[in-house]
Amino acid sequence: MSIEIKIRKNEPVDRALRRMKKKLERENIIRGVRAKRYYEKPCDKRRRKEKVMAFTAMLRRRYAD
């Protein structure tokens, strides 16, 4: 997995960094790295996923009209 950002001619470095950060966010790389930073017990993973599923189901029910 490799992310490449080509700096355009006369482009400031901070703008290139911003493009790189957006690309990392779009590909969920930062989220994956943060999730793997610490060990998460299997029951905690399951609990977290169930909580997300319940929230999305609640949103679907609320806006199903």
Protein backbone atom coordinates (compact mmCIF):
# COMPACT_ATOMS: atom_id res chain seq x y z
CA MET A 1 0.00 0.00 0.00
CA SER A 2 1.58 3.18 -1.16
CA ILE A 3 0.22 6.68 -1.41
CA GLU A 4 1.87 8.98 -3.90
CA ILE A 5 1.29 12.67 -4.18
CA LYS A 6 3.02 14.46 -7.01
CA ILE A 7 3.78 18.05 -6.22
CA ARG A 8 2.61 20.25 -9.05
CA LYS A 9 4.68 23.02 -10.49
CA ASN A 10 4.75 26.07 -8.18
CA GLU A 11 2.48 24.32 -5.64
CA PRO A 12 3.07 25.13 -1.98
CA VAL A 13 4.07 22.19 0.21
CA ASP A 14 1.21 22.77 2.64
CA ARG A 15 -1.31 22.38 -0.18
CA ALA A 16 0.31 19.10 -1.25
CA LEU A 17 0.17 17.89 2.36
CA ARG A 18 -3.51 18.79 2.49
CA ARG A 19 -4.16 16.76 -0.67
CA MET A 20 -2.27 13.83 0.83
CA LYS A 21 -4.30 13.97 4.06
CA LYS A 22 -7.56 14.03 2.11
CA LYS A 23 -6.45 11.04 0.06
CA LEU A 24 -5.54 9.13 3.23
CA GLU A 25 -8.95 9.93 4.72
CA ARG A 26 -10.79 8.82 1.58
CA GLU A 27 -9.00 5.47 1.61
CA ASN A 28 -9.59 5.02 5.37
CA ILE A 29 -5.90 4.49 6.04
CA ILE A 30 -5.75 6.80 9.05
CA ARG A 31 -8.80 5.16 10.63
CA GLY A 32 -7.25 1.71 10.15
CA VAL A 33 -3.96 2.74 11.70
CA ARG A 34 -5.69 4.29 14.70
CA ALA A 35 -7.84 1.18 15.16
CA LYS A 36 -4.78 -1.08 15.19
CA ARG A 37 -2.77 1.12 17.53
CA TYR A 38 -4.00 -0.82 20.56
CA TYR A 39 -5.28 -4.36 20.95
CA GLU A 40 -9.04 -4.61 21.05
CA LYS A 41 -10.59 -7.66 22.63
CA PRO A 42 -12.95 -9.62 20.38
CA CYS A 43 -15.94 -8.94 22.64
CA ASP A 44 -15.17 -5.20 22.50
CA LYS A 45 -14.98 -5.34 18.69
CA ARG A 46 -18.32 -7.09 18.55
CA ARG A 47 -19.88 -4.62 20.98
CA ARG A 48 -18.60 -1.65 18.96
CA LYS A 49 -19.91 -3.10 15.69
CA GLU A 50 -23.29 -3.84 17.24
CA LYS A 51 -23.48 -0.26 18.51
CA VAL A 52 -22.77 1.11 15.02
CA MET A 53 -25.34 -1.25 13.47
CA ALA A 54 -27.98 -0.17 16.00
CA PHE A 55 -27.28 3.50 15.28
CA THR A 56 -27.54 3.07 11.50
CA ALA A 57 -30.73 1.04 11.91
CA MET A 58 -32.20 3.82 14.06
CA LEU A 59 -31.33 6.40 11.38
CA ARG A 60 -32.90 4.24 8.67
CA ARG A 61 -36.09 3.87 10.71
CA ARG A 62 -36.20 7.59 11.45
CA TYR A 63 -35.77 8.69 7.81
CA ALA A 64 -37.65 5.85 6.10
CA ASP A 65 -40.72 8.02 5.62
